[in-house]
């Protein structure tokens, strides 16, 4: 399984996707409905007013259509390497009446550098990927964002993180153990390591915003 296809479908043990009828490609992930409003509130403060937003590992596409609807002056470009997820993304776009504004989901694996995209993004968003992928996915995300973003443009990363070498809650520690039991290459990453990656690639961490359920939104901007 490629890196991006893990996003959202393994956010939490009880967050397995719910399928639609056979003729409907859409998937539902319960965690999306729990975090779409608080995450959108942070995006409203950090995204540019116009331009193209590239979402890495868009999963079901529920976030993509929610944010395209909330931010009509932006164009939301969803992506995922999993064809089942890309079908779900495009299905959500069509049934939401946004297919005339949202481009079709891109087949993009975060580790396949350089990323093949039709236009340079004004912002990059990544939700719930880093802890359910190998460490090189985190490295490739930061590297790719730094290569594509113009100075001052943001990379916004949502998910759980360790701080000062420790988990921020007992539930996160249990979650981390369950992830590593599924795949020893997975696991909740250290915030300080992401900060180091940002410094190495000239896209420093500017802020870490507290989110519900012991998650953070990291705000990184190209120097």
C-alpha atoms as a PDB file:
ATOM      1  CA  UNK A   1       0.000   0.000   0.000  1.00  0.00           C
ATOM      2  CA  UNK A   2       1.401   3.403  -0.925  1.00  0.00           C
ATOM      3  CA  UNK A   3       1.918   6.083   1.684  1.00  0.00           C
ATOM      4  CA  UNK A   4      -0.925   8.445   0.942  1.00  0.00           C
ATOM      5  CA  UNK A   5      -3.602   5.764   0.778  1.00  0.00           C
ATOM      6  CA  UNK A   6      -3.290   5.165   4.498  1.00  0.00           C
ATOM      7  CA  UNK A   7      -4.557   8.642   5.292  1.00  0.00           C
ATOM      8  CA  UNK A   8      -7.865   8.906   7.115  1.00  0.00           C
ATOM      9  CA  UNK A   9      -8.761   5.224   6.795  1.00  0.00           C
ATOM     10  CA  UNK A  10      -6.513   4.415   9.763  1.00  0.00           C
ATOM     11  CA  UNK A  11      -6.947   7.530  11.869  1.00  0.00           C
ATOM     12  CA  UNK A  12      -8.238   5.557  14.820  1.00  0.00           C
ATOM     13  CA  UNK A  13      -9.164   1.911  15.386  1.00  0.00           C
ATOM     14  CA  UNK A  14     -12.884   2.662  15.260  1.00  0.00           C
ATOM     15  CA  UNK A  15     -12.600   4.991  12.282  1.00  0.00           C
ATOM     16  CA  UNK A  16     -12.769   2.418   9.517  1.00  0.00           C
ATOM     17  CA  UNK A  17     -14.430   3.787   6.364  1.00  0.00           C
ATOM     18  CA  UNK A  18     -18.118   3.239   5.709  1.00  0.00           C
ATOM     19  CA  UNK A  19     -18.937   2.338   2.121  1.00  0.00           C
ATOM     20  CA  UNK A  20     -21.782   3.572  -0.057  1.00  0.00           C
ATOM     21  CA  UNK A  21     -24.116   1.443  -2.175  1.00  0.00           C
ATOM     22  CA  UNK A  22     -22.428  -0.459  -4.993  1.00  0.00           C
ATOM     23  CA  UNK A  23     -23.075   2.249  -7.588  1.00  0.00           C
ATOM     24  CA  UNK A  24     -21.747   5.055  -5.345  1.00  0.00           C
ATOM     25  CA  UNK A  25     -17.928   5.276  -4.986  1.00  0.00           C
ATOM     26  CA  UNK A  26     -18.002   7.582  -1.964  1.00  0.00           C
ATOM     27  CA  UNK A  27     -16.471   6.614   1.381  1.00  0.00           C
ATOM     28  CA  UNK A  28     -17.226   8.092   4.805  1.00  0.00           C
ATOM     29  CA  UNK A  29     -14.673   8.417   7.596  1.00  0.00           C
ATOM     30  CA  UNK A  30     -16.166   9.256  11.028  1.00  0.00           C
ATOM     31  CA  UNK A  31     -13.147  11.324  12.112  1.00  0.00           C
ATOM     32  CA  UNK A  32     -13.725  13.767   9.250  1.00  0.00           C
ATOM     33  CA  UNK A  33     -16.983  14.987  10.694  1.00  0.00           C
ATOM     34  CA  UNK A  34     -15.360  15.425  14.098  1.00  0.00           C
ATOM     35  CA  UNK A  35     -12.474  17.597  12.929  1.00  0.00           C
ATOM     36  CA  UNK A  36     -13.689  19.394   9.792  1.00  0.00           C
ATOM     37  CA  UNK A  37     -15.033  22.453  11.660  1.00  0.00           C
ATOM     38  CA  UNK A  38     -12.056  23.152  13.997  1.00  0.00           C
ATOM     39  CA  UNK A  39      -9.573  22.401  11.225  1.00  0.00           C
ATOM     40  CA  UNK A  40     -11.461  24.674   8.857  1.00  0.00           C
ATOM     41  CA  UNK A  41     -11.330  27.467  11.438  1.00  0.00           C
ATOM     42  CA  UNK A  42      -7.518  27.251  11.497  1.00  0.00           C
ATOM     43  CA  UNK A  43      -7.339  27.118   7.702  1.00  0.00           C
ATOM     44  CA  UNK A  44      -9.479  30.257   7.542  1.00  0.00           C
ATOM     45  CA  UNK A  45      -6.716  32.102   9.410  1.00  0.00           C
ATOM     46  CA  UNK A  46      -3.730  30.608   7.596  1.00  0.00           C
ATOM     47  CA  UNK A  47      -4.696  30.041   3.930  1.00  0.00           C
ATOM     48  CA  UNK A  48      -4.194  32.776   1.328  1.00  0.00           C
ATOM     49  CA  UNK A  49      -7.380  34.454   0.067  1.00  0.00           C
ATOM     50  CA  UNK A  50      -7.008  33.080  -3.468  1.00  0.00           C
ATOM     51  CA  UNK A  51      -5.011  30.479  -5.355  1.00  0.00           C
ATOM     52  CA  UNK A  52      -4.672  26.705  -5.562  1.00  0.00           C
ATOM     53  CA  UNK A  53      -4.559  24.524  -2.437  1.00  0.00           C
ATOM     54  CA  UNK A  54      -2.928  21.114  -2.888  1.00  0.00           C
ATOM     55  CA  UNK A  55      -4.159  18.525  -0.391  1.00  0.00           C
ATOM     56  CA  UNK A  56      -1.838  15.553   0.077  1.00  0.00           C
ATOM     57  CA  UNK A  57      -3.424  12.151   0.817  1.00  0.00           C
ATOM     58  CA  UNK A  58      -7.034  13.347   0.642  1.00  0.00           C
ATOM     59  CA  UNK A  59      -8.528   9.975   1.578  1.00  0.00           C
ATOM     60  CA  UNK A  60     -12.289   9.905   1.106  1.00  0.00           C
ATOM     61  CA  UNK A  61     -12.481  13.497  -0.195  1.00  0.00           C
ATOM     62  CA  UNK A  62     -14.844  14.689   2.537  1.00  0.00           C
ATOM     63  CA  UNK A  63     -12.388  17.321   3.743  1.00  0.00           C
ATOM     64  CA  UNK A  64     -11.764  18.437   0.173  1.00  0.00           C
ATOM     65  CA  UNK A  65     -15.413  19.153  -0.634  1.00  0.00           C
ATOM     66  CA  UNK A  66     -16.037  20.722   2.784  1.00  0.00           C
ATOM     67  CA  UNK A  67     -13.145  23.133   2.365  1.00  0.00           C
ATOM     68  CA  UNK A  68     -13.899  23.887  -1.290  1.00  0.00           C
ATOM     69  CA  UNK A  69     -17.393  24.857  -0.172  1.00  0.00           C
ATOM     70  CA  UNK A  70     -16.123  26.898   2.773  1.00  0.00           C
ATOM     71  CA  UNK A  71     -13.408  28.694   0.764  1.00  0.00           C
ATOM     72  CA  UNK A  72     -15.004  29.443  -2.620  1.00  0.00           C
ATOM     73  CA  UNK A  73     -12.274  31.886  -3.682  1.00  0.00           C
ATOM     74  CA  UNK A  74      -9.708  29.058  -3.538  1.00  0.00           C
ATOM     75  CA  UNK A  75      -9.453  26.030  -5.802  1.00  0.00           C
ATOM     76  CA  UNK A  76      -8.995  22.791  -3.886  1.00  0.00           C
ATOM     77  CA  UNK A  77      -6.831  20.172  -5.590  1.00  0.00           C
ATOM     78  CA  UNK A  78      -7.258  16.822  -3.858  1.00  0.00           C
ATOM     79  CA  UNK A  79      -4.810  13.968  -4.368  1.00  0.00           C
ATOM     80  CA  UNK A  80      -4.298  10.356  -3.332  1.00  0.00           C
ATOM     81  CA  UNK A  81      -2.352   7.383  -4.727  1.00  0.00           C
ATOM     82  CA  UNK A  82      -5.189   4.940  -3.981  1.00  0.00           C
ATOM     83  CA  UNK A  83      -7.633   4.616  -6.941  1.00  0.00           C
ATOM     84  CA  UNK A  84     -10.481   3.719  -4.561  1.00  0.00           C
ATOM     85  CA  UNK A  85      -9.883   6.957  -2.679  1.00  0.00           C
ATOM     86  CA  UNK A  86      -9.615   8.993  -5.880  1.00  0.00           C
ATOM     87  CA  UNK A  87     -12.976   7.572  -7.024  1.00  0.00           C
ATOM     88  CA  UNK A  88     -14.463   8.560  -3.661  1.00  0.00           C
ATOM     89  CA  UNK A  89     -13.003  12.078  -3.908  1.00  0.00           C
ATOM     90  CA  UNK A  90     -14.448  12.613  -7.379  1.00  0.00           C
ATOM     91  CA  UNK A  91     -17.739  11.081  -6.252  1.00  0.00           C
ATOM     92  CA  UNK A  92     -18.018  13.549  -3.392  1.00  0.00           C
ATOM     93  CA  UNK A  93     -17.120  16.411  -5.712  1.00  0.00           C
ATOM     94  CA  UNK A  94     -19.833  15.426  -8.193  1.00  0.00           C
ATOM     95  CA  UNK A  95     -22.619  14.785  -5.670  1.00  0.00           C
ATOM     96  CA  UNK A  96     -21.761  18.037  -3.872  1.00  0.00           C
ATOM     97  CA  UNK A  97     -22.150  19.994  -7.115  1.00  0.00           C
ATOM     98  CA  UNK A  98     -18.517  21.087  -7.010  1.00  0.00           C
ATOM     99  CA  UNK A  99     -17.162  19.115  -9.958  1.00  0.00           C
ATOM    100  CA  UNK A 100     -17.275  22.234 -12.135  1.00  0.00           C
ATOM    101  CA  UNK A 101     -14.914  23.993  -9.681  1.00  0.00           C
ATOM    102  CA  UNK A 102     -12.746  21.206  -8.273  1.00  0.00           C
ATOM    103  CA  UNK A 103     -10.297  19.451 -10.608  1.00  0.00           C
ATOM    104  CA  UNK A 104     -10.238  15.662 -10.641  1.00  0.00           C
ATOM    105  CA  UNK A 105      -8.218  14.060  -7.867  1.00  0.00           C
ATOM    106  CA  UNK A 106      -4.525  13.627  -8.704  1.00  0.00           C
ATOM    107  CA  UNK A 107      -2.667  10.333  -8.516  1.00  0.00           C
ATOM    108  CA  UNK A 108       0.108  11.550  -6.233  1.00  0.00           C
ATOM    109  CA  UNK A 109       2.306   9.549  -3.866  1.00  0.00           C
ATOM    110  CA  UNK A 110       4.087  11.884  -1.468  1.00  0.00           C
ATOM    111  CA  UNK A 111       7.351   9.923  -1.828  1.00  0.00           C
ATOM    112  CA  UNK A 112       7.466  10.168  -5.640  1.00  0.00           C
ATOM    113  CA  UNK A 113       9.652  13.248  -6.032  1.00  0.00           C
ATOM    114  CA  UNK A 114       9.310  15.569  -7.815  1.00  0.00           C
ATOM    115  CA  UNK A 115       5.530  15.641  -7.557  1.00  0.00           C
ATOM    116  CA  UNK A 116       3.726  15.751 -10.882  1.00  0.00           C
ATOM    117  CA  UNK A 117       1.129  18.500 -10.551  1.00  0.00           C
ATOM    118  CA  UNK A 118      -0.449  20.773 -13.181  1.00  0.00           C
ATOM    119  CA  UNK A 119       0.171  24.073 -11.383  1.00  0.00           C
ATOM    120  CA  UNK A 120       2.168  25.453  -8.472  1.00  0.00           C
ATOM    121  CA  UNK A 121       0.085  25.587  -5.273  1.00  0.00           C
ATOM    122  CA  UNK A 122      -0.434  28.631  -3.107  1.00  0.00           C
ATOM    123  CA  UNK A 123      -0.737  26.362  -0.049  1.00  0.00           C
ATOM    124  CA  UNK A 124      -0.365  22.677   0.835  1.00  0.00           C
ATOM    125  CA  UNK A 125      -2.539  20.846   3.362  1.00  0.00           C
ATOM    126  CA  UNK A 126      -1.942  17.379   4.801  1.00  0.00           C
ATOM    127  CA  UNK A 127      -4.382  15.757   7.244  1.00  0.00           C
ATOM    128  CA  UNK A 128      -3.662  12.597   9.253  1.00  0.00           C
ATOM    129  CA  UNK A 129      -0.858  11.124   7.175  1.00  0.00           C
ATOM    130  CA  UNK A 130       2.393  11.357   9.123  1.00  0.00           C
ATOM    131  CA  UNK A 131       1.551   8.857  11.873  1.00  0.00           C
ATOM    132  CA  UNK A 132       0.229   6.227   9.447  1.00  0.00           C
ATOM    133  CA  UNK A 133       3.162   6.211   7.061  1.00  0.00           C
ATOM    134  CA  UNK A 134       6.927   5.595   7.251  1.00  0.00           C
ATOM    135  CA  UNK A 135       9.214   8.399   8.360  1.00  0.00           C
ATOM    136  CA  UNK A 136      10.377   9.045   4.804  1.00  0.00           C
ATOM    137  CA  UNK A 137       6.853  10.216   3.966  1.00  0.00           C
ATOM    138  CA  UNK A 138       7.211  13.032   6.493  1.00  0.00           C
ATOM    139  CA  UNK A 139      10.601  13.920   5.020  1.00  0.00           C
ATOM    140  CA  UNK A 140       9.235  13.877   1.480  1.00  0.00           C
ATOM    141  CA  UNK A 141       6.234  16.002   2.442  1.00  0.00           C
ATOM    142  CA  UNK A 142       8.394  18.773   3.862  1.00  0.00           C
ATOM    143  CA  UNK A 143      10.888  18.536   0.997  1.00  0.00           C
ATOM    144  CA  UNK A 144       8.183  18.652  -1.687  1.00  0.00           C
ATOM    145  CA  UNK A 145       6.365  21.535  -0.046  1.00  0.00           C
ATOM    146  CA  UNK A 146       9.557  23.550   0.221  1.00  0.00           C
ATOM    147  CA  UNK A 147      10.315  22.957  -3.462  1.00  0.00           C
ATOM    148  CA  UNK A 148       6.857  24.023  -4.675  1.00  0.00           C
ATOM    149  CA  UNK A 149       5.772  26.820  -2.366  1.00  0.00           C
ATOM    150  CA  UNK A 150       6.693  30.449  -2.927  1.00  0.00           C
ATOM    151  CA  UNK A 151       8.114  32.440  -0.001  1.00  0.00           C
ATOM    152  CA  UNK A 152       5.519  33.074   2.671  1.00  0.00           C
ATOM    153  CA  UNK A 153       3.167  30.325   1.478  1.00  0.00           C
ATOM    154  CA  UNK A 154       2.016  27.756   4.058  1.00  0.00           C
ATOM    155  CA  UNK A 155       2.286  24.033   4.603  1.00  0.00           C
ATOM    156  CA  UNK A 156      -0.408  23.025   7.111  1.00  0.00           C
ATOM    157  CA  UNK A 157      -0.158  19.597   8.772  1.00  0.00           C
ATOM    158  CA  UNK A 158      -2.867  18.139  11.014  1.00  0.00           C
ATOM    159  CA  UNK A 159      -2.532  15.142  13.298  1.00  0.00           C
ATOM    160  CA  UNK A 160      -1.229  13.856  16.644  1.00  0.00           C
ATOM    161  CA  UNK A 161       2.361  14.632  17.697  1.00  0.00           C
ATOM    162  CA  UNK A 162       4.690  13.934  20.578  1.00  0.00           C
ATOM    163  CA  UNK A 163       6.179  16.955  22.353  1.00  0.00           C
ATOM    164  CA  UNK A 164       9.503  17.026  24.216  1.00  0.00           C
ATOM    165  CA  UNK A 165       9.882  13.294  23.638  1.00  0.00           C
ATOM    166  CA  UNK A 166       6.599  12.359  25.293  1.00  0.00           C
ATOM    167  CA  UNK A 167       2.999  11.777  24.306  1.00  0.00           C
ATOM    168  CA  UNK A 168       0.573  14.573  25.115  1.00  0.00           C
ATOM    169  CA  UNK A 169      -2.100  12.188  26.460  1.00  0.00           C
ATOM    170  CA  UNK A 170      -2.596   8.580  27.518  1.00  0.00           C
ATOM    171  CA  UNK A 171      -4.979   8.072  24.594  1.00  0.00           C
ATOM    172  CA  UNK A 172      -2.259   9.153  22.163  1.00  0.00           C
ATOM    173  CA  UNK A 173       0.190   6.728  23.774  1.00  0.00           C
ATOM    174  CA  UNK A 174      -2.309   3.903  23.343  1.00  0.00           C
ATOM    175  CA  UNK A 175      -2.984   4.978  19.767  1.00  0.00           C
ATOM    176  CA  UNK A 176       0.744   5.022  19.024  1.00  0.00           C
ATOM    177  CA  UNK A 177       1.119   1.487  20.380  1.00  0.00           C
ATOM    178  CA  UNK A 178      -1.783   0.267  18.232  1.00  0.00           C
ATOM    179  CA  UNK A 179      -0.267   1.876  15.125  1.00  0.00           C
ATOM    180  CA  UNK A 180       3.121   0.237  15.702  1.00  0.00           C
ATOM    181  CA  UNK A 181       1.405  -3.106  16.239  1.00  0.00           C
ATOM    182  CA  UNK A 182      -0.152  -2.754  12.782  1.00  0.00           C
ATOM    183  CA  UNK A 183       3.092  -1.608  11.151  1.00  0.00           C
ATOM    184  CA  UNK A 184       6.384  -0.954  12.957  1.00  0.00           C
ATOM    185  CA  UNK A 185       7.156   1.878  10.508  1.00  0.00           C
ATOM    186  CA  UNK A 186       4.098   3.822  11.664  1.00  0.00           C
ATOM    187  CA  UNK A 187       3.866   5.943  14.779  1.00  0.00           C
ATOM    188  CA  UNK A 188       3.179   9.397  16.162  1.00  0.00           C
ATOM    189  CA  UNK A 189       6.046  11.693  15.197  1.00  0.00           C
ATOM    190  CA  UNK A 190       7.968  14.107  17.403  1.00  0.00           C
ATOM    191  CA  UNK A 191       7.047  17.735  16.858  1.00  0.00           C
ATOM    192  CA  UNK A 192      10.696  18.706  17.303  1.00  0.00           C
ATOM    193  CA  UNK A 193      11.735  16.373  14.471  1.00  0.00           C
ATOM    194  CA  UNK A 194       9.246  18.025  12.114  1.00  0.00           C
ATOM    195  CA  UNK A 195      10.620  21.382  13.205  1.00  0.00           C
ATOM    196  CA  UNK A 196      14.146  20.173  12.353  1.00  0.00           C
ATOM    197  CA  UNK A 197      12.984  19.011   8.918  1.00  0.00           C
ATOM    198  CA  UNK A 198      11.435  22.399   8.297  1.00  0.00           C
ATOM    199  CA  UNK A 199      14.637  24.181   9.236  1.00  0.00           C
ATOM    200  CA  UNK A 200      16.661  21.914   6.914  1.00  0.00           C
ATOM    201  CA  UNK A 201      14.377  22.618   3.963  1.00  0.00           C
ATOM    202  CA  UNK A 202      13.819  26.366   4.498  1.00  0.00           C
ATOM    203  CA  UNK A 203      10.181  25.964   5.505  1.00  0.00           C
ATOM    204  CA  UNK A 204      10.292  26.680   9.230  1.00  0.00           C
ATOM    205  CA  UNK A 205       7.623  25.808  11.759  1.00  0.00           C
ATOM    206  CA  UNK A 206       5.892  29.025  12.794  1.00  0.00           C
ATOM    207  CA  UNK A 207       3.156  27.754  15.092  1.00  0.00           C
ATOM    208  CA  UNK A 208       1.510  24.630  16.488  1.00  0.00           C
ATOM    209  CA  UNK A 209      -2.198  25.107  17.040  1.00  0.00           C
ATOM    210  CA  UNK A 210      -3.991  23.016  19.655  1.00  0.00           C
ATOM    211  CA  UNK A 211      -6.887  21.016  18.233  1.00  0.00           C
ATOM    212  CA  UNK A 212      -9.566  18.727  19.708  1.00  0.00           C
ATOM    213  CA  UNK A 213      -8.784  15.097  20.629  1.00  0.00           C
ATOM    214  CA  UNK A 214      -5.112  15.807  21.405  1.00  0.00           C
ATOM    215  CA  UNK A 215      -4.203  16.793  17.851  1.00  0.00           C
ATOM    216  CA  UNK A 216      -2.223  19.735  16.503  1.00  0.00           C
ATOM    217  CA  UNK A 217      -2.207  21.779  13.338  1.00  0.00           C
ATOM    218  CA  UNK A 218       1.342  22.721  12.402  1.00  0.00           C
ATOM    219  CA  UNK A 219       1.810  25.958  10.474  1.00  0.00           C
ATOM    220  CA  UNK A 220       4.987  26.006   8.383  1.00  0.00           C
ATOM    221  CA  UNK A 221       5.851  28.734   5.870  1.00  0.00           C
ATOM    222  CA  UNK A 222       8.435  28.845   3.117  1.00  0.00           C
ATOM    223  CA  UNK A 223      11.236  31.216   4.038  1.00  0.00           C
END
